[in-house]
Amino acid sequence: MPLINTDNKLMTPTNYYLVADIGGTNARFAISNAQNHQIVVHENLNCQDFNNIDAAVCYFLAKHVNDYLIKYACFAVAAPVMNNRVKFTNSHWYFDIDKLQRKLDLEKLLVINDFKAQACSIPFLQDSDSIVLIKPNKKVPNDLPISIIGAGTGLGVASLHYIDGNYLAMTSEGGHAGFTPSNDMENEVLSYLMSRFGYVTREHILSGPGIVNLYQAVASISKVDAPLNEPYLITQAALEKNDPLALTVLTMFCQIMGTVCADIILTQGSNGALYIAGGIAPKIQKIFEQGAFSERFLRKGSAYEFLRYTPVYLITQSLTGLIGASAALQQYNHGLPVNDLVENLI
């Protein structure tokens, strides 16, 4: 069944959801099928073009209100939820959940962490939505724990657990765990970054800003110029211009990702699978597939056998946040827990 469904028939409120994946720069809004979480229609909006989120939502709904009757919504946000309010760190947007729910005449507006949505999407991905980086030579049962990691503006880490016939997602702060070097060069990178940040996290390297940090560190250690200051410029230089420094940096990025992914699986006991999400990995898929990732992933001594039988996938589907928001809302409507204990306490 295709992911994008173009059947625009009017349906009942429980057949379709309004879902969103909102960051500091862009906001994606969509109508999803509430049963299989296929995205029916979606649009990417620039946050700067709207005074606040309600204007953006109304703009999107105005195009589709005649086609779909919507009473349930789920917004995945890259922002903390405090006292029922959401204030975006890198955007002027903010909103009160209850007030926005009333304004949009919804029966429920669920707000979840954006990486929770990434995790919730995993059971609903098609085979064509990812590529295999590590393929075990035996079938893995589908009720084993699954880990998810995603590098973008930051580094997200989550896990999926199969409980009573349902996959329940748990987010974590694994991106803020300390960076552990695996060779002499990475020790020097750590020393360089410690002089800047003090405590060096995985996110200081495995993220968009982290690519720049790594680029500057390797340049300083190698005593060469570092003229590029944006992750997309470094990626472009590596993939399109074969720039030696940029290629070294992205290869190191994939190697360090391999080590961190193995550590996460061993820590979480997630021998069901690991999925690499986020915006960076698909852009450097070619480097991931060249072997630097898999070699470091499996270099774990006595844990080699455990890791060898754990499949690793790189997600290429760009709408996972929307798919996951739809899946989380369905879980909520069926009385299943959605938000983690930590999120509930905020």
C-alpha atoms as a PDB file:
ATOM      1  CA  MET A   1       0.000   0.000   0.000  1.00  0.00           C
ATOM      2  CA  PRO A   2       1.505   3.411  -0.934  1.00  0.00           C
ATOM      3  CA  LEU A   3       2.416   5.865   1.812  1.00  0.00           C
ATOM      4  CA  ILE A   4       0.734   8.844   0.147  1.00  0.00           C
ATOM      5  CA  ASN A   5      -3.013   8.351  -0.247  1.00  0.00           C
ATOM      6  CA  THR A   6      -4.806  10.771  -2.552  1.00  0.00           C
ATOM      7  CA  ASP A   7      -8.376   9.636  -1.874  1.00  0.00           C
ATOM      8  CA  ASN A   8     -10.080  12.846  -0.678  1.00  0.00           C
ATOM      9  CA  LYS A   9     -13.490  11.565   0.436  1.00  0.00           C
ATOM     10  CA  LEU A  10     -15.260  13.163   3.395  1.00  0.00           C
ATOM     11  CA  MET A  11     -15.028  10.810   6.374  1.00  0.00           C
ATOM     12  CA  THR A  12     -16.021  10.731  10.041  1.00  0.00           C
ATOM     13  CA  PRO A  13     -13.872  12.534  12.661  1.00  0.00           C
ATOM     14  CA  THR A  14     -12.233   9.325  13.869  1.00  0.00           C
ATOM     15  CA  ASN A  15     -11.071   8.257  10.410  1.00  0.00           C
ATOM     16  CA  TYR A  16      -8.631  11.128   9.923  1.00  0.00           C
ATOM     17  CA  TYR A  17      -6.287  13.057  12.183  1.00  0.00           C
ATOM     18  CA  LEU A  18      -4.615  16.438  11.999  1.00  0.00           C
ATOM     19  CA  VAL A  19      -0.911  15.887  12.737  1.00  0.00           C
ATOM     20  CA  ALA A  20       2.122  18.172  12.852  1.00  0.00           C
ATOM     21  CA  ASP A  21       5.883  17.946  13.209  1.00  0.00           C
ATOM     22  CA  ILE A  22       7.101  21.351  14.404  1.00  0.00           C
ATOM     23  CA  GLY A  23      10.681  22.523  14.807  1.00  0.00           C
ATOM     24  CA  GLY A  24      12.283  25.906  15.250  1.00  0.00           C
ATOM     25  CA  THR A  25      12.384  26.742  11.542  1.00  0.00           C
ATOM     26  CA  ASN A  26       9.753  24.645   9.781  1.00  0.00           C
ATOM     27  CA  ALA A  27       6.362  23.218  10.646  1.00  0.00           C
ATOM     28  CA  ARG A  28       4.905  20.275   8.755  1.00  0.00           C
ATOM     29  CA  PHE A  29       1.148  19.821   8.910  1.00  0.00           C
ATOM     30  CA  ALA A  30      -0.735  16.845   7.523  1.00  0.00           C
ATOM     31  CA  ILE A  31      -3.959  14.893   7.439  1.00  0.00           C
ATOM     32  CA  SER A  32      -3.344  11.233   8.281  1.00  0.00           C
ATOM     33  CA  ASN A  33      -5.398   8.070   8.013  1.00  0.00           C
ATOM     34  CA  ALA A  34      -6.209   7.133  11.607  1.00  0.00           C
ATOM     35  CA  GLN A  35      -6.103   3.395  10.910  1.00  0.00           C
ATOM     36  CA  ASN A  36      -2.868   2.834   8.972  1.00  0.00           C
ATOM     37  CA  HIS A  37      -1.238   6.272   9.490  1.00  0.00           C
ATOM     38  CA  GLN A  38      -0.662   6.899   5.810  1.00  0.00           C
ATOM     39  CA  ILE A  39      -0.235  10.585   5.085  1.00  0.00           C
ATOM     40  CA  VAL A  40      -3.075  11.795   2.897  1.00  0.00           C
ATOM     41  CA  VAL A  41      -1.945  15.391   2.349  1.00  0.00           C
ATOM     42  CA  HIS A  42       0.856  17.425   3.886  1.00  0.00           C
ATOM     43  CA  GLU A  43       2.466  20.835   3.651  1.00  0.00           C
ATOM     44  CA  ASN A  44       5.718  22.314   4.917  1.00  0.00           C
ATOM     45  CA  LEU A  45       5.414  25.853   6.301  1.00  0.00           C
ATOM     46  CA  ASN A  46       8.083  28.335   7.381  1.00  0.00           C
ATOM     47  CA  CYS A  47       7.510  29.440  10.968  1.00  0.00           C
ATOM     48  CA  GLN A  48       8.708  32.959  10.145  1.00  0.00           C
ATOM     49  CA  ASP A  49       5.785  33.402   7.739  1.00  0.00           C
ATOM     50  CA  PHE A  50       3.197  33.206  10.550  1.00  0.00           C
ATOM     51  CA  ASN A  51       2.744  35.235  13.729  1.00  0.00           C
ATOM     52  CA  ASN A  52       1.977  32.118  15.728  1.00  0.00           C
ATOM     53  CA  ILE A  53       1.029  28.483  15.418  1.00  0.00           C
ATOM     54  CA  ASP A  54      -2.739  29.066  15.327  1.00  0.00           C
ATOM     55  CA  ALA A  55      -2.383  31.153  12.144  1.00  0.00           C
ATOM     56  CA  ALA A  56      -0.331  28.392  10.516  1.00  0.00           C
ATOM     57  CA  VAL A  57      -2.808  25.666  11.495  1.00  0.00           C
ATOM     58  CA  CYS A  58      -5.769  27.687  10.229  1.00  0.00           C
ATOM     59  CA  TYR A  59      -3.949  28.377   6.959  1.00  0.00           C
ATOM     60  CA  PHE A  60      -3.397  24.651   6.459  1.00  0.00           C
ATOM     61  CA  LEU A  61      -6.918  23.632   7.466  1.00  0.00           C
ATOM     62  CA  ALA A  62      -8.512  26.237   5.195  1.00  0.00           C
ATOM     63  CA  LYS A  63      -7.251  24.218   2.224  1.00  0.00           C
ATOM     64  CA  HIS A  64      -8.653  20.912   3.453  1.00  0.00           C
ATOM     65  CA  VAL A  65     -11.585  21.585   5.785  1.00  0.00           C
ATOM     66  CA  ASN A  66     -14.070  20.741   3.026  1.00  0.00           C
ATOM     67  CA  ASP A  67     -12.494  17.334   2.505  1.00  0.00           C
ATOM     68  CA  TYR A  68     -11.955  16.128   6.072  1.00  0.00           C
ATOM     69  CA  LEU A  69     -13.823  16.418   9.338  1.00  0.00           C
ATOM     70  CA  ILE A  70     -11.130  16.647  12.020  1.00  0.00           C
ATOM     71  CA  LYS A  71     -11.710  16.305  15.766  1.00  0.00           C
ATOM     72  CA  TYR A  72      -8.404  14.813  16.943  1.00  0.00           C
ATOM     73  CA  ALA A  73      -4.895  16.203  16.518  1.00  0.00           C
ATOM     74  CA  CYS A  74      -1.348  15.410  17.611  1.00  0.00           C
ATOM     75  CA  PHE A  75       1.527  17.878  17.402  1.00  0.00           C
ATOM     76  CA  ALA A  76       5.098  16.618  17.745  1.00  0.00           C
ATOM     77  CA  VAL A  77       7.185  19.537  18.987  1.00  0.00           C
ATOM     78  CA  ALA A  78      10.888  20.265  19.399  1.00  0.00           C
ATOM     79  CA  ALA A  79      10.210  22.128  22.626  1.00  0.00           C
ATOM     80  CA  PRO A  80       9.561  21.437  26.306  1.00  0.00           C
ATOM     81  CA  VAL A  81       5.963  21.266  27.560  1.00  0.00           C
ATOM     82  CA  MET A  82       5.594  23.128  30.867  1.00  0.00           C
ATOM     83  CA  ASN A  83       2.307  23.756  32.685  1.00  0.00           C
ATOM     84  CA  ASN A  84       0.322  22.917  29.547  1.00  0.00           C
ATOM     85  CA  ARG A  85       2.247  25.532  27.550  1.00  0.00           C
ATOM     86  CA  VAL A  86       4.715  25.097  24.698  1.00  0.00           C
ATOM     87  CA  LYS A  87       7.423  27.701  23.984  1.00  0.00           C
ATOM     88  CA  PHE A  88       9.776  26.950  21.106  1.00  0.00           C
ATOM     89  CA  THR A  89      13.458  27.518  21.790  1.00  0.00           C
ATOM     90  CA  ASN A  90      14.440  28.562  18.268  1.00  0.00           C
ATOM     91  CA  SER A  91      11.196  30.198  17.189  1.00  0.00           C
ATOM     92  CA  HIS A  92       8.865  33.016  18.281  1.00  0.00           C
ATOM     93  CA  TRP A  93       5.959  30.542  18.411  1.00  0.00           C
ATOM     94  CA  TYR A  94       4.278  29.546  21.678  1.00  0.00           C
ATOM     95  CA  PHE A  95       0.865  28.198  22.609  1.00  0.00           C
ATOM     96  CA  ASP A  96      -1.370  27.015  25.420  1.00  0.00           C
ATOM     97  CA  ILE A  97      -2.519  23.472  24.609  1.00  0.00           C
ATOM     98  CA  ASP A  98      -6.048  23.788  26.035  1.00  0.00           C
ATOM     99  CA  LYS A  99      -6.665  27.194  24.410  1.00  0.00           C
ATOM    100  CA  LEU A 100      -5.494  25.991  21.006  1.00  0.00           C
ATOM    101  CA  GLN A 101      -7.642  22.863  21.346  1.00  0.00           C
ATOM    102  CA  ARG A 102     -10.713  25.013  21.966  1.00  0.00           C
ATOM    103  CA  LYS A 103      -9.874  27.449  19.177  1.00  0.00           C
ATOM    104  CA  LEU A 104      -9.583  24.604  16.668  1.00  0.00           C
ATOM    105  CA  ASP A 105     -12.781  22.971  18.025  1.00  0.00           C
ATOM    106  CA  LEU A 106     -10.966  19.693  18.708  1.00  0.00           C
ATOM    107  CA  GLU A 107     -11.997  16.955  21.095  1.00  0.00           C
ATOM    108  CA  LYS A 108      -8.321  16.312  21.820  1.00  0.00           C
ATOM    109  CA  LEU A 109      -5.027  18.015  20.998  1.00  0.00           C
ATOM    110  CA  LEU A 110      -2.187  15.738  22.067  1.00  0.00           C
ATOM    111  CA  VAL A 111       1.319  17.235  22.250  1.00  0.00           C
ATOM    112  CA  ILE A 112       4.365  14.954  22.304  1.00  0.00           C
ATOM    113  CA  ASN A 113       8.126  15.207  22.009  1.00  0.00           C
ATOM    114  CA  ASP A 114       9.261  15.300  18.383  1.00  0.00           C
ATOM    115  CA  PHE A 115      11.584  12.324  18.784  1.00  0.00           C
ATOM    116  CA  LYS A 116       8.812  10.337  20.483  1.00  0.00           C
ATOM    117  CA  ALA A 117       6.975  10.715  17.163  1.00  0.00           C
ATOM    118  CA  GLN A 118       9.991   9.366  15.278  1.00  0.00           C
ATOM    119  CA  ALA A 119       9.977   6.289  17.513  1.00  0.00           C
ATOM    120  CA  CYS A 120       6.207   5.761  17.180  1.00  0.00           C
ATOM    121  CA  SER A 121       6.510   5.714  13.380  1.00  0.00           C
ATOM    122  CA  ILE A 122       8.781   2.639  13.245  1.00  0.00           C
ATOM    123  CA  PRO A 123       6.097  -0.117  13.257  1.00  0.00           C
ATOM    124  CA  PHE A 124       4.303   1.612  10.365  1.00  0.00           C
ATOM    125  CA  LEU A 125       7.206   2.125   7.960  1.00  0.00           C
ATOM    126  CA  GLN A 126       7.215   0.373   4.595  1.00  0.00           C
ATOM    127  CA  ASP A 127      10.208  -1.701   3.449  1.00  0.00           C
ATOM    128  CA  SER A 128      11.039   1.067   0.950  1.00  0.00           C
ATOM    129  CA  ASP A 129      11.299   3.647   3.758  1.00  0.00           C
ATOM    130  CA  SER A 130      14.737   2.496   4.923  1.00  0.00           C
ATOM    131  CA  ILE A 131      17.938   0.811   3.800  1.00  0.00           C
ATOM    132  CA  VAL A 132      19.731  -2.016   5.617  1.00  0.00           C
ATOM    133  CA  LEU A 133      23.177  -1.235   7.062  1.00  0.00           C
ATOM    134  CA  ILE A 134      23.581  -4.415   9.138  1.00  0.00           C
ATOM    135  CA  LYS A 135      21.718  -7.524   7.971  1.00  0.00           C
ATOM    136  CA  PRO A 136      21.762 -10.496  10.375  1.00  0.00           C
ATOM    137  CA  ASN A 137      21.848 -13.965   8.884  1.00  0.00           C
ATOM    138  CA  LYS A 138      18.856 -15.147  10.879  1.00  0.00           C
ATOM    139  CA  LYS A 139      15.282 -13.897  11.376  1.00  0.00           C
ATOM    140  CA  VAL A 140      14.789 -11.630  14.387  1.00  0.00           C
ATOM    141  CA  PRO A 141      11.525 -11.974  16.384  1.00  0.00           C
ATOM    142  CA  ASN A 142       9.350  -8.839  16.153  1.00  0.00           C
ATOM    143  CA  ASP A 143       8.634  -8.642  19.899  1.00  0.00           C
ATOM    144  CA  LEU A 144      12.197  -7.694  20.901  1.00  0.00           C
ATOM    145  CA  PRO A 145      13.117  -4.137  22.010  1.00  0.00           C
ATOM    146  CA  ILE A 146      14.078  -1.649  19.288  1.00  0.00           C
ATOM    147  CA  SER A 147      16.373   1.386  19.580  1.00  0.00           C
ATOM    148  CA  ILE A 148      16.074   4.614  17.589  1.00  0.00           C
ATOM    149  CA  ILE A 149      18.705   7.318  17.223  1.00  0.00           C
ATOM    150  CA  GLY A 150      18.442  10.462  15.137  1.00  0.00           C
ATOM    151  CA  ALA A 151      20.886  13.261  14.375  1.00  0.00           C
ATOM    152  CA  GLY A 152      19.551  16.630  13.261  1.00  0.00           C
ATOM    153  CA  THR A 153      19.693  19.930  15.118  1.00  0.00           C
ATOM    154  CA  GLY A 154      20.333  17.744  18.163  1.00  0.00           C
ATOM    155  CA  LEU A 155      20.693  14.021  18.859  1.00  0.00           C
ATOM    156  CA  GLY A 156      17.596  12.061  19.845  1.00  0.00           C
ATOM    157  CA  VAL A 157      17.577   8.605  21.422  1.00  0.00           C
ATOM    158  CA  ALA A 158      14.518   6.450  22.109  1.00  0.00           C
ATOM    159  CA  SER A 159      13.385   2.853  22.367  1.00  0.00           C
ATOM    160  CA  LEU A 160      10.323   0.780  21.462  1.00  0.00           C
ATOM    161  CA  HIS A 161       9.008  -2.005  23.678  1.00  0.00           C
ATOM    162  CA  TYR A 162       6.447  -4.603  22.636  1.00  0.00           C
ATOM    163  CA  ILE A 163       3.958  -4.903  25.506  1.00  0.00           C
ATOM    164  CA  ASP A 164       0.602  -6.712  25.338  1.00  0.00           C
ATOM    165  CA  GLY A 165       0.512  -6.551  21.561  1.00  0.00           C
ATOM    166  CA  ASN A 166       1.476  -2.888  21.242  1.00  0.00           C
ATOM    167  CA  TYR A 167       4.739  -1.019  20.643  1.00  0.00           C
ATOM    168  CA  LEU A 168       5.238   1.622  23.334  1.00  0.00           C
ATOM    169  CA  ALA A 169       7.885   4.301  22.828  1.00  0.00           C
ATOM    170  CA  MET A 170      10.185   5.647  25.518  1.00  0.00           C
ATOM    171  CA  THR A 171      12.335   8.692  24.911  1.00  0.00           C
ATOM    172  CA  SER A 172      15.575   9.444  26.749  1.00  0.00           C
ATOM    173  CA  GLU A 173      18.330  12.021  27.056  1.00  0.00           C
ATOM    174  CA  GLY A 174      20.907   9.681  25.502  1.00  0.00           C
ATOM    175  CA  GLY A 175      22.141  12.441  23.211  1.00  0.00           C
ATOM    176  CA  HIS A 176      23.499  14.239  26.282  1.00  0.00           C
ATOM    177  CA  ALA A 177      25.529  11.245  27.470  1.00  0.00           C
ATOM    178  CA  GLY A 178      29.280  11.826  27.366  1.00  0.00           C
ATOM    179  CA  PHE A 179      31.286  11.262  24.198  1.00  0.00           C
ATOM    180  CA  THR A 180      33.693   8.317  24.525  1.00  0.00           C
ATOM    181  CA  PRO A 181      36.671   8.223  22.100  1.00  0.00           C
ATOM    182  CA  SER A 182      37.681   4.963  20.419  1.00  0.00           C
ATOM    183  CA  ASN A 183      41.126   5.873  19.009  1.00  0.00           C
ATOM    184  CA  ASP A 184      43.944   8.423  19.311  1.00  0.00           C
ATOM    185  CA  MET A 185      42.427  10.863  16.816  1.00  0.00           C
ATOM    186  CA  GLU A 186      39.118  10.881  18.684  1.00  0.00           C
ATOM    187  CA  ASN A 187      41.022  11.458  21.934  1.00  0.00           C
ATOM    188  CA  GLU A 188      42.479  14.598  20.368  1.00  0.00           C
ATOM    189  CA  VAL A 189      39.016  15.640  19.169  1.00  0.00           C
ATOM    190  CA  LEU A 190      37.730  15.195  22.717  1.00  0.00           C
ATOM    191  CA  SER A 191      40.557  17.341  24.116  1.00  0.00           C
ATOM    192  CA  TYR A 192      39.839  20.075  21.557  1.00  0.00           C
ATOM    193  CA  LEU A 193      36.103  20.092  22.329  1.00  0.00           C
ATOM    194  CA  MET A 194      36.695  19.964  26.097  1.00  0.00           C
ATOM    195  CA  SER A 195      38.648  23.202  25.786  1.00  0.00           C
ATOM    196  CA  ARG A 196      35.503  24.758  24.275  1.00  0.00           C
ATOM    197  CA  PHE A 197      32.618  23.077  26.096  1.00  0.00           C
ATOM    198  CA  GLY A 198      34.045  21.437  29.222  1.00  0.00           C
ATOM    199  CA  TYR A 199      31.685  18.477  29.252  1.00  0.00           C
ATOM    200  CA  VAL A 200      31.487  16.963  25.745  1.00  0.00           C
ATOM    201  CA  THR A 201      28.340  15.078  24.806  1.00  0.00           C
ATOM    202  CA  ARG A 202      27.525  12.772  21.909  1.00  0.00           C
ATOM    203  CA  GLU A 203      25.353  15.605  20.577  1.00  0.00           C
ATOM    204  CA  HIS A 204      28.402  17.889  20.354  1.00  0.00           C
ATOM    205  CA  ILE A 205      29.503  15.639  17.448  1.00  0.00           C
ATOM    206  CA  LEU A 206      26.465  13.719  16.173  1.00  0.00           C
ATOM    207  CA  SER A 207      24.279  16.635  15.067  1.00  0.00           C
ATOM    208  CA  GLY A 208      24.262  19.440  12.524  1.00  0.00           C
ATOM    209  CA  PRO A 209      26.226  21.792  14.808  1.00  0.00           C
ATOM    210  CA  GLY A 210      28.324  18.745  15.759  1.00  0.00           C
ATOM    211  CA  ILE A 211      29.523  18.311  12.167  1.00  0.00           C
ATOM    212  CA  VAL A 212      30.864  21.866  12.330  1.00  0.00           C
ATOM    213  CA  ASN A 213      32.482  21.148  15.722  1.00  0.00           C
ATOM    214  CA  LEU A 214      34.125  18.020  14.333  1.00  0.00           C
ATOM    215  CA  TYR A 215      35.268  19.843  11.189  1.00  0.00           C
ATOM    216  CA  GLN A 216      36.916  22.591  13.237  1.00  0.00           C
ATOM    217  CA  ALA A 217      38.489  20.075  15.621  1.00  0.00           C
ATOM    218  CA  VAL A 218      40.013  17.933  12.857  1.00  0.00           C
ATOM    219  CA  ALA A 219      41.267  21.048  11.047  1.00  0.00           C
ATOM    220  CA  SER A 220      42.930  22.339  14.211  1.00  0.00           C
ATOM    221  CA  ILE A 221      44.535  18.967  14.972  1.00  0.00           C
ATOM    222  CA  SER A 222      45.724  18.617  11.357  1.00  0.00           C
ATOM    223  CA  LYS A 223      46.869  22.266  11.269  1.00  0.00           C
ATOM    224  CA  VAL A 224      44.865  23.112   8.151  1.00  0.00           C
ATOM    225  CA  ASP A 225      42.353  25.860   7.400  1.00  0.00           C
ATOM    226  CA  ALA A 226      38.665  25.317   8.163  1.00  0.00           C
ATOM    227  CA  PRO A 227      36.844  27.717   5.811  1.00  0.00           C
ATOM    228  CA  LEU A 228      33.380  26.151   6.077  1.00  0.00           C
ATOM    229  CA  ASN A 229      31.011  26.981   8.928  1.00  0.00           C
ATOM    230  CA  GLU A 230      27.714  25.295   8.014  1.00  0.00           C
ATOM    231  CA  PRO A 231      26.967  21.546   8.080  1.00  0.00           C
ATOM    232  CA  TYR A 232      25.386  21.587   4.624  1.00  0.00           C
ATOM    233  CA  LEU A 233      28.521  23.227   3.166  1.00  0.00           C
ATOM    234  CA  ILE A 234      30.732  20.549   4.745  1.00  0.00           C
ATOM    235  CA  THR A 235      28.454  17.797   3.434  1.00  0.00           C
ATOM    236  CA  GLN A 236      28.404  19.380  -0.015  1.00  0.00           C
ATOM    237  CA  ALA A 237      32.198  19.707  -0.064  1.00  0.00           C
ATOM    238  CA  ALA A 238      32.587  16.026   0.848  1.00  0.00           C
ATOM    239  CA  LEU A 239      30.027  14.570  -1.562  1.00  0.00           C
ATOM    240  CA  GLU A 240      30.349  16.891  -4.556  1.00  0.00           C
ATOM    241  CA  LYS A 241      33.927  18.168  -4.412  1.00  0.00           C
ATOM    242  CA  ASN A 242      35.786  15.286  -2.706  1.00  0.00           C
ATOM    243  CA  ASP A 243      37.255  17.776  -0.256  1.00  0.00           C
ATOM    244  CA  PRO A 244      39.749  15.741   1.864  1.00  0.00           C
ATOM    245  CA  LEU A 245      38.992  17.470   5.177  1.00  0.00           C
ATOM    246  CA  ALA A 246      35.223  17.284   4.718  1.00  0.00           C
ATOM    247  CA  LEU A 247      35.433  13.610   3.685  1.00  0.00           C
ATOM    248  CA  THR A 248      37.532  12.805   6.757  1.00  0.00           C
ATOM    249  CA  VAL A 249      34.998  14.553   8.990  1.00  0.00           C
ATOM    250  CA  LEU A 250      31.941  12.771   7.586  1.00  0.00           C
ATOM    251  CA  THR A 251      33.734   9.422   7.717  1.00  0.00           C
ATOM    252  CA  MET A 252      34.541  10.082  11.380  1.00  0.00           C
ATOM    253  CA  PHE A 253      30.917  11.096  11.924  1.00  0.00           C
ATOM    254  CA  CYS A 254      29.762   7.692  10.602  1.00  0.00           C
ATOM    255  CA  GLN A 255      32.399   5.855  12.643  1.00  0.00           C
ATOM    256  CA  ILE A 256      31.402   7.594  15.864  1.00  0.00           C
ATOM    257  CA  MET A 257      27.742   6.966  15.038  1.00  0.00           C
ATOM    258  CA  GLY A 258      28.597   3.270  14.717  1.00  0.00           C
ATOM    259  CA  THR A 259      30.182   3.202  18.161  1.00  0.00           C
ATOM    260  CA  VAL A 260      27.307   5.118  19.764  1.00  0.00           C
ATOM    261  CA  CYS A 261      24.656   2.928  18.105  1.00  0.00           C
ATOM    262  CA  ALA A 262      26.350  -0.205  19.434  1.00  0.00           C
ATOM    263  CA  ASP A 263      26.575   1.323  22.911  1.00  0.00           C
ATOM    264  CA  ILE A 264      22.863   2.197  22.845  1.00  0.00           C
ATOM    265  CA  ILE A 265      21.854  -1.332  21.817  1.00  0.00           C
ATOM    266  CA  LEU A 266      24.019  -2.854  24.545  1.00  0.00           C
ATOM    267  CA  THR A 267      22.659  -0.413  27.146  1.00  0.00           C
ATOM    268  CA  GLN A 268      19.004  -0.777  26.179  1.00  0.00           C
ATOM    269  CA  GLY A 269      19.200  -4.488  25.349  1.00  0.00           C
ATOM    270  CA  SER A 270      17.583  -3.689  22.015  1.00  0.00           C
ATOM    271  CA  ASN A 271      18.437  -6.741  19.973  1.00  0.00           C
ATOM    272  CA  GLY A 272      15.256  -6.393  17.915  1.00  0.00           C
ATOM    273  CA  ALA A 273      16.706  -3.665  15.677  1.00  0.00           C
ATOM    274  CA  LEU A 274      18.200  -0.203  15.606  1.00  0.00           C
ATOM    275  CA  TYR A 275      16.859   2.545  13.336  1.00  0.00           C
ATOM    276  CA  ILE A 276      18.842   5.641  12.395  1.00  0.00           C
ATOM    277  CA  ALA A 277      16.449   8.551  11.908  1.00  0.00           C
ATOM    278  CA  GLY A 278      16.950  12.312  11.562  1.00  0.00           C
ATOM    279  CA  GLY A 279      17.743  14.617   8.697  1.00  0.00           C
ATOM    280  CA  ILE A 280      21.500  14.078   8.434  1.00  0.00           C
ATOM    281  CA  ALA A 281      21.852  10.341   7.808  1.00  0.00           C
ATOM    282  CA  PRO A 282      19.908  10.213   4.488  1.00  0.00           C
ATOM    283  CA  LYS A 283      22.015  13.064   3.129  1.00  0.00           C
ATOM    284  CA  ILE A 284      25.247  11.133   3.749  1.00  0.00           C
ATOM    285  CA  GLN A 285      23.841   7.676   3.032  1.00  0.00           C
ATOM    286  CA  LYS A 286      26.679   7.038   0.565  1.00  0.00           C
ATOM    287  CA  ILE A 287      29.286   7.398   3.321  1.00  0.00           C
ATOM    288  CA  PHE A 288      27.279   5.240   5.729  1.00  0.00           C
ATOM    289  CA  GLU A 289      27.243   2.474   3.114  1.00  0.00           C
ATOM    290  CA  GLN A 290      31.016   2.561   2.543  1.00  0.00           C
ATOM    291  CA  GLY A 291      31.719   0.492   5.658  1.00  0.00           C
ATOM    292  CA  ALA A 292      32.983   2.968   8.249  1.00  0.00           C
ATOM    293  CA  PHE A 293      29.751   2.678  10.225  1.00  0.00           C
ATOM    294  CA  SER A 294      29.428  -1.099  10.188  1.00  0.00           C
ATOM    295  CA  GLU A 295      33.114  -1.727  11.013  1.00  0.00           C
ATOM    296  CA  ARG A 296      32.900   0.425  14.139  1.00  0.00           C
ATOM    297  CA  PHE A 297      29.455  -0.839  15.070  1.00  0.00           C
ATOM    298  CA  LEU A 298      30.739  -4.418  15.251  1.00  0.00           C
ATOM    299  CA  ARG A 299      34.049  -3.581  16.952  1.00  0.00           C
ATOM    300  CA  LYS A 300      32.815  -4.356  20.448  1.00  0.00           C
ATOM    301  CA  GLY A 301      34.944  -7.281  21.565  1.00  0.00           C
ATOM    302  CA  SER A 302      32.931 -10.017  23.256  1.00  0.00           C
ATOM    303  CA  ALA A 303      29.667  -8.249  22.325  1.00  0.00           C
ATOM    304  CA  TYR A 304      30.327  -8.874  18.615  1.00  0.00           C
ATOM    305  CA  GLU A 305      27.981 -11.870  18.418  1.00  0.00           C
ATOM    306  CA  PHE A 306      25.135  -9.993  20.112  1.00  0.00           C
ATOM    307  CA  LEU A 307      25.500  -7.050  17.715  1.00  0.00           C
ATOM    308  CA  ARG A 308      25.997  -9.205  14.614  1.00  0.00           C
ATOM    309  CA  TYR A 309      22.458 -10.529  14.980  1.00  0.00           C
ATOM    310  CA  THR A 310      20.892  -7.077  15.471  1.00  0.00           C
ATOM    311  CA  PRO A 311      19.649  -5.475  12.227  1.00  0.00           C
ATOM    312  CA  VAL A 312      20.406  -1.788  11.645  1.00  0.00           C
ATOM    313  CA  TYR A 313      18.346   0.377   9.304  1.00  0.00           C
ATOM    314  CA  LEU A 314      18.833   3.913   8.000  1.00  0.00           C
ATOM    315  CA  ILE A 315      15.474   5.622   7.517  1.00  0.00           C
ATOM    316  CA  THR A 316      15.072   7.440   4.197  1.00  0.00           C
ATOM    317  CA  GLN A 317      11.364   8.321   4.602  1.00  0.00           C
ATOM    318  CA  SER A 318      11.032  12.063   5.300  1.00  0.00           C
ATOM    319  CA  LEU A 319       7.556  12.010   6.888  1.00  0.00           C
ATOM    320  CA  THR A 320       8.279   9.832   9.930  1.00  0.00           C
ATOM    321  CA  GLY A 321       7.436  12.621  12.406  1.00  0.00           C
ATOM    322  CA  LEU A 322       3.946  12.923  10.933  1.00  0.00           C
ATOM    323  CA  ILE A 323       3.399   9.159  10.732  1.00  0.00           C
ATOM    324  CA  GLY A 324       4.529   8.787  14.346  1.00  0.00           C
ATOM    325  CA  ALA A 325       2.287  11.606  15.574  1.00  0.00           C
ATOM    326  CA  SER A 326      -0.670   9.808  14.002  1.00  0.00           C
ATOM    327  CA  ALA A 327       0.342   6.500  15.610  1.00  0.00           C
ATOM    328  CA  ALA A 328       0.762   8.148  19.033  1.00  0.00           C
ATOM    329  CA  LEU A 329      -2.703   9.696  18.797  1.00  0.00           C
ATOM    330  CA  GLN A 330      -4.240   6.329  17.954  1.00  0.00           C
ATOM    331  CA  GLN A 331      -2.518   4.834  21.017  1.00  0.00           C
ATOM    332  CA  TYR A 332      -3.897   7.630  23.185  1.00  0.00           C
ATOM    333  CA  ASN A 333      -7.426   7.141  21.831  1.00  0.00           C
ATOM    334  CA  HIS A 334      -7.189   3.449  22.707  1.00  0.00           C
ATOM    335  CA  GLY A 335      -6.245   4.234  26.301  1.00  0.00           C
ATOM    336  CA  LEU A 336      -2.573   3.319  25.966  1.00  0.00           C
ATOM    337  CA  PRO A 337       0.179   5.391  27.627  1.00  0.00           C
ATOM    338  CA  VAL A 338       1.832   7.856  25.255  1.00  0.00           C
ATOM    339  CA  ASN A 339       3.935  10.331  27.219  1.00  0.00           C
ATOM    340  CA  ASP A 340       6.850   9.188  29.353  1.00  0.00           C
ATOM    341  CA  LEU A 341       6.831   9.673  33.126  1.00  0.00           C
ATOM    342  CA  VAL A 342       9.432  12.437  32.782  1.00  0.00           C
ATOM    343  CA  GLU A 343       7.221  14.305  30.291  1.00  0.00           C
ATOM    344  CA  ASN A 344       4.213  13.962  32.584  1.00  0.00           C
ATOM    345  CA  LEU A 345       6.097  15.495  35.492  1.00  0.00           C
ATOM    346  CA  ILE A 346       7.161  18.619  33.568  1.00  0.00           C
END
